[in-house]
Protein backbone atom coordinates (compact mmCIF):
# COMPACT_ATOMS: atom_id res chain seq x y z
CA UNK A 1 14.17 -136.41 30.90
CA UNK A 2 15.96 -139.55 30.12
CA UNK A 3 16.27 -140.59 33.85
CA UNK A 4 12.54 -140.12 34.03
CA UNK A 5 11.77 -142.14 31.00
CA UNK A 6 13.90 -145.04 32.50
CA UNK A 7 12.16 -144.74 35.76
CA UNK A 8 8.55 -144.84 34.15
CA UNK A 9 9.51 -147.82 32.15
CA UNK A 10 10.80 -149.66 35.17
CA UNK A 11 7.50 -148.99 36.92
CA UNK A 12 5.56 -150.33 33.80
CA UNK A 13 7.73 -153.57 33.74
CA UNK A 14 7.19 -154.11 37.50
CA UNK A 15 3.41 -153.51 37.23
CA UNK A 16 3.28 -155.95 34.13
CA UNK A 17 5.15 -158.42 36.25
CA UNK A 18 2.55 -158.52 39.05
CA UNK A 19 -0.54 -158.28 36.76
CA UNK A 20 -0.54 -154.50 36.48
CA UNK A 21 -2.77 -154.39 39.53
CA UNK A 22 -1.31 -151.18 40.73
CA UNK A 23 -1.68 -149.07 37.71
CA UNK A 24 -4.48 -146.61 37.46
CA UNK A 25 -7.38 -147.38 35.24
CA UNK A 26 -6.17 -144.97 32.43
CA UNK A 27 -2.76 -146.65 32.30
CA UNK A 28 -4.24 -150.06 32.11
CA UNK A 29 -6.62 -149.11 29.42
CA UNK A 30 -3.58 -147.52 27.48
CA UNK A 31 -1.49 -150.71 27.86
CA UNK A 32 -4.26 -152.81 26.76
CA UNK A 33 -5.11 -150.61 23.74
CA UNK A 34 -3.66 -152.26 20.59
CA UNK A 35 -1.21 -149.92 18.82
CA UNK A 36 -1.57 -149.55 15.01
CA UNK A 37 1.17 -151.02 13.22
CA UNK A 38 1.80 -148.76 10.01
CA UNK A 39 2.00 -150.75 6.72
CA UNK A 40 4.16 -149.75 3.85
CA UNK A 41 2.24 -147.36 1.46
CA UNK A 42 0.32 -149.61 -0.98
CA UNK A 43 0.57 -152.81 0.95
CA UNK A 44 -2.62 -154.73 1.92
CA UNK A 45 -3.13 -156.33 5.23
CA UNK A 46 -2.99 -159.68 3.50
CA UNK A 47 0.28 -158.86 1.91
CA UNK A 48 1.81 -157.61 5.10
CA UNK A 49 1.27 -161.03 6.69
CA UNK A 50 2.60 -163.01 3.89
CA UNK A 51 5.34 -161.07 3.13
CA UNK A 52 8.77 -162.71 2.38
CA UNK A 53 10.65 -164.12 5.35
CA UNK A 54 13.44 -161.92 6.59
CA UNK A 55 15.71 -164.62 8.04
CA UNK A 56 17.54 -167.74 6.42
CA UNK A 57 16.53 -170.97 7.93
CA UNK A 58 20.07 -170.92 9.73
CA UNK A 59 19.34 -167.40 11.16
CA UNK A 60 16.11 -168.55 12.37
CA UNK A 61 17.53 -171.61 14.41
CA UNK A 62 20.28 -169.54 15.84
CA UNK A 63 18.17 -166.72 16.72
CA UNK A 64 15.08 -168.35 18.19
CA UNK A 65 15.31 -172.19 18.34
CA UNK A 66 18.79 -172.64 19.64
CA UNK A 67 18.34 -170.33 22.53
CA UNK A 68 14.81 -171.45 23.45
CA UNK A 69 16.01 -174.99 23.39
CA UNK A 70 18.94 -174.38 25.76
CA UNK A 71 16.40 -172.78 28.16
CA UNK A 72 14.35 -175.90 28.09
CA UNK A 73 17.28 -178.06 28.67
CA UNK A 74 18.25 -176.11 31.56
CA UNK A 75 14.93 -177.18 33.02
CA UNK A 76 16.26 -180.48 33.59
CA UNK A 77 17.84 -179.10 36.82
CA UNK A 78 15.53 -176.90 39.37
CA UNK A 79 15.91 -173.58 37.77
CA UNK A 80 13.95 -172.03 40.77
CA UNK A 81 17.41 -172.17 42.70
CA UNK A 82 19.08 -170.05 40.01
CA UNK A 83 19.58 -166.50 41.69
CA UNK A 84 18.16 -163.51 39.80
CA UNK A 85 20.63 -161.12 38.26
CA UNK A 86 21.47 -157.96 40.03
CA UNK A 87 19.08 -156.13 37.56
CA UNK A 88 16.70 -158.63 36.39
CA UNK A 89 14.86 -156.12 34.06
CA UNK A 90 18.20 -155.74 32.18
CA UNK A 91 19.42 -159.46 32.27
CA UNK A 92 20.25 -160.81 28.91
CA UNK A 93 19.98 -164.36 30.37
CA UNK A 94 16.25 -165.03 30.44
CA UNK A 95 16.86 -167.62 33.30
CA UNK A 96 17.93 -164.79 35.53
CA UNK A 97 15.66 -162.08 34.34
CA UNK A 98 12.39 -160.77 35.93
CA UNK A 99 10.72 -163.43 34.01
CA UNK A 100 13.19 -166.06 35.11
CA UNK A 101 13.22 -169.46 36.46
CA UNK A 102 10.43 -171.71 35.59
CA UNK A 103 8.59 -169.02 33.76
CA UNK A 104 11.36 -168.64 31.39
CA UNK A 105 11.14 -172.44 30.75
CA UNK A 106 7.50 -172.00 30.08
CA UNK A 107 7.95 -169.10 27.86
CA UNK A 108 10.80 -170.68 25.91
CA UNK A 109 8.60 -173.78 25.29
CA UNK A 110 5.69 -171.82 23.97
CA UNK A 111 8.07 -169.59 21.72
CA UNK A 112 9.57 -173.09 20.44
CA UNK A 113 6.27 -174.38 19.68
CA UNK A 114 5.31 -171.22 17.83
CA UNK A 115 8.40 -171.08 15.92
CA UNK A 116 7.52 -174.31 14.40
CA UNK A 117 4.85 -172.54 11.91
CA UNK A 118 7.92 -170.44 10.89
CA UNK A 119 9.65 -173.58 9.49
CA UNK A 120 6.64 -173.82 7.21
CA UNK A 121 6.57 -170.10 5.94
CA UNK A 122 6.97 -170.10 1.98
CA UNK A 123 9.93 -168.15 0.52
CA UNK A 124 12.48 -168.99 3.33
CA UNK A 125 15.81 -170.22 2.06
CA UNK A 126 18.56 -172.13 3.70
CA UNK A 127 22.17 -170.78 4.25
CA UNK A 128 23.15 -172.21 0.75
CA UNK A 129 20.42 -170.45 -1.14
CA UNK A 130 18.13 -173.51 -1.60
CA UNK A 131 14.50 -173.04 -0.81
CA UNK A 132 13.14 -174.71 2.57
CA UNK A 133 11.19 -177.71 1.52
CA UNK A 134 8.03 -176.48 3.00
CA UNK A 135 5.84 -178.42 0.35
CA UNK A 136 7.63 -181.95 1.69
CA UNK A 137 5.47 -184.04 3.83
CA UNK A 138 8.15 -185.14 6.00
CA UNK A 139 9.23 -181.51 6.72
CA UNK A 140 5.68 -180.68 7.83
CA UNK A 141 5.87 -183.93 10.02
CA UNK A 142 9.15 -182.78 11.51
CA UNK A 143 7.79 -179.25 12.25
CA UNK A 144 4.69 -180.88 13.98
CA UNK A 145 6.83 -183.11 16.00
CA UNK A 146 8.95 -180.14 17.17
CA UNK A 147 5.64 -178.36 18.06
CA UNK A 148 4.37 -181.17 20.18
CA UNK A 149 7.68 -181.87 21.94
CA UNK A 150 7.61 -178.08 22.92
CA UNK A 151 3.99 -178.19 24.07
CA UNK A 152 5.25 -181.03 26.37
CA UNK A 153 8.00 -179.06 27.90
CA UNK A 154 5.49 -176.13 28.59
CA UNK A 155 3.22 -178.59 30.42
CA UNK A 156 6.16 -179.91 32.67
CA UNK A 157 7.57 -176.53 33.23
CA UNK A 158 4.11 -175.64 34.61
CA UNK A 159 4.36 -178.33 36.97
CA UNK A 160 7.92 -177.24 37.96
CA UNK A 161 9.39 -180.89 37.52
CA UNK A 162 13.07 -181.24 36.85
CA UNK A 163 12.55 -184.97 36.81
CA UNK A 164 9.86 -184.92 34.18
CA UNK A 165 11.95 -182.47 32.26
CA UNK A 166 14.61 -185.02 31.50
CA UNK A 167 12.10 -186.95 29.24
CA UNK A 168 10.33 -183.97 27.91
CA UNK A 169 13.55 -182.18 27.10
CA UNK A 170 14.81 -185.40 25.20
CA UNK A 171 11.78 -185.34 23.19
CA UNK A 172 12.50 -181.76 21.84
CA UNK A 173 16.36 -183.01 21.19
CA UNK A 174 15.00 -186.02 19.32
CA UNK A 175 12.65 -183.96 17.37
CA UNK A 176 15.36 -181.75 16.17
CA UNK A 177 17.91 -184.73 15.47
CA UNK A 178 15.29 -186.61 13.44
CA UNK A 179 14.97 -183.34 11.15
CA UNK A 180 18.66 -182.67 10.96
CA UNK A 181 19.66 -186.35 10.24
CA UNK A 182 17.57 -186.05 7.07
CA UNK A 183 18.31 -182.61 5.84
CA UNK A 184 21.96 -182.43 6.31
CA UNK A 185 23.00 -180.48 9.38
CA UNK A 186 24.25 -183.39 11.20
CA UNK A 187 25.88 -184.92 8.17
CA UNK A 188 29.49 -183.67 7.14
CA UNK A 189 29.45 -182.96 3.40
CA UNK A 190 25.65 -183.31 3.33
CA UNK A 191 23.93 -180.24 1.61
CA UNK A 192 21.42 -178.57 3.85
CA UNK A 193 17.75 -178.55 2.84
CA UNK A 194 18.39 -181.58 0.65
CA UNK A 195 16.55 -184.70 1.93
CA UNK A 196 18.85 -187.74 2.15
CA UNK A 197 18.04 -191.04 3.86
CA UNK A 198 18.80 -190.96 7.42
CA UNK A 199 22.03 -192.22 8.98
CA UNK A 200 21.82 -195.84 10.07
CA UNK A 201 24.41 -197.29 12.31
CA UNK A 202 25.46 -200.80 11.48
CA UNK A 203 24.78 -203.42 14.21
CA UNK A 204 27.89 -204.38 16.08
CA UNK A 205 29.64 -207.52 15.08
CA UNK A 206 29.20 -210.18 17.75
CA UNK A 207 32.16 -211.05 19.78
CA UNK A 208 33.95 -214.32 19.13
CA UNK A 209 34.77 -216.20 22.38
């Protein structure tokens, strides 16, 4: 029974990967039919979409933004040359999975863009327990900058251009750095989620002849 389920799952994954063109009509309808997600008793649809965040800001960064950014940075080389895993459907490395290569960079870019909205979700806290400053104008600006940079890498990934990805990936890195530079993660001893003036480097002293 377990082997049959694995085989059926593998067939479905393969069909999804090629557009589900080989599935019979009834199977395609079943795949397209939205599944009802049960809500806790007494909870309205509005309440279920505005529930308190489950992850801290640090967990959100480590679980979504950090790995997706690394996939984008990998696009600074021709990821189409990366060999797929022996079992792509089981690979934990998205670049070698059945949706690997440039498609993985596209998917990571869109996931990163979507995650910018999660930065603005009310009720999230930082690792130190302080609330994420979602009401701050500069926090919203940083989130929008991340979104736009990620959409930029998505467009470059569609074109499969490792050369153009150099600048596009740098825009993602700079969008992260701009926020971290103000809200503490790049500053030893600086409390996270507490705005501080960005670090400014002093101009180098002129050399004497």
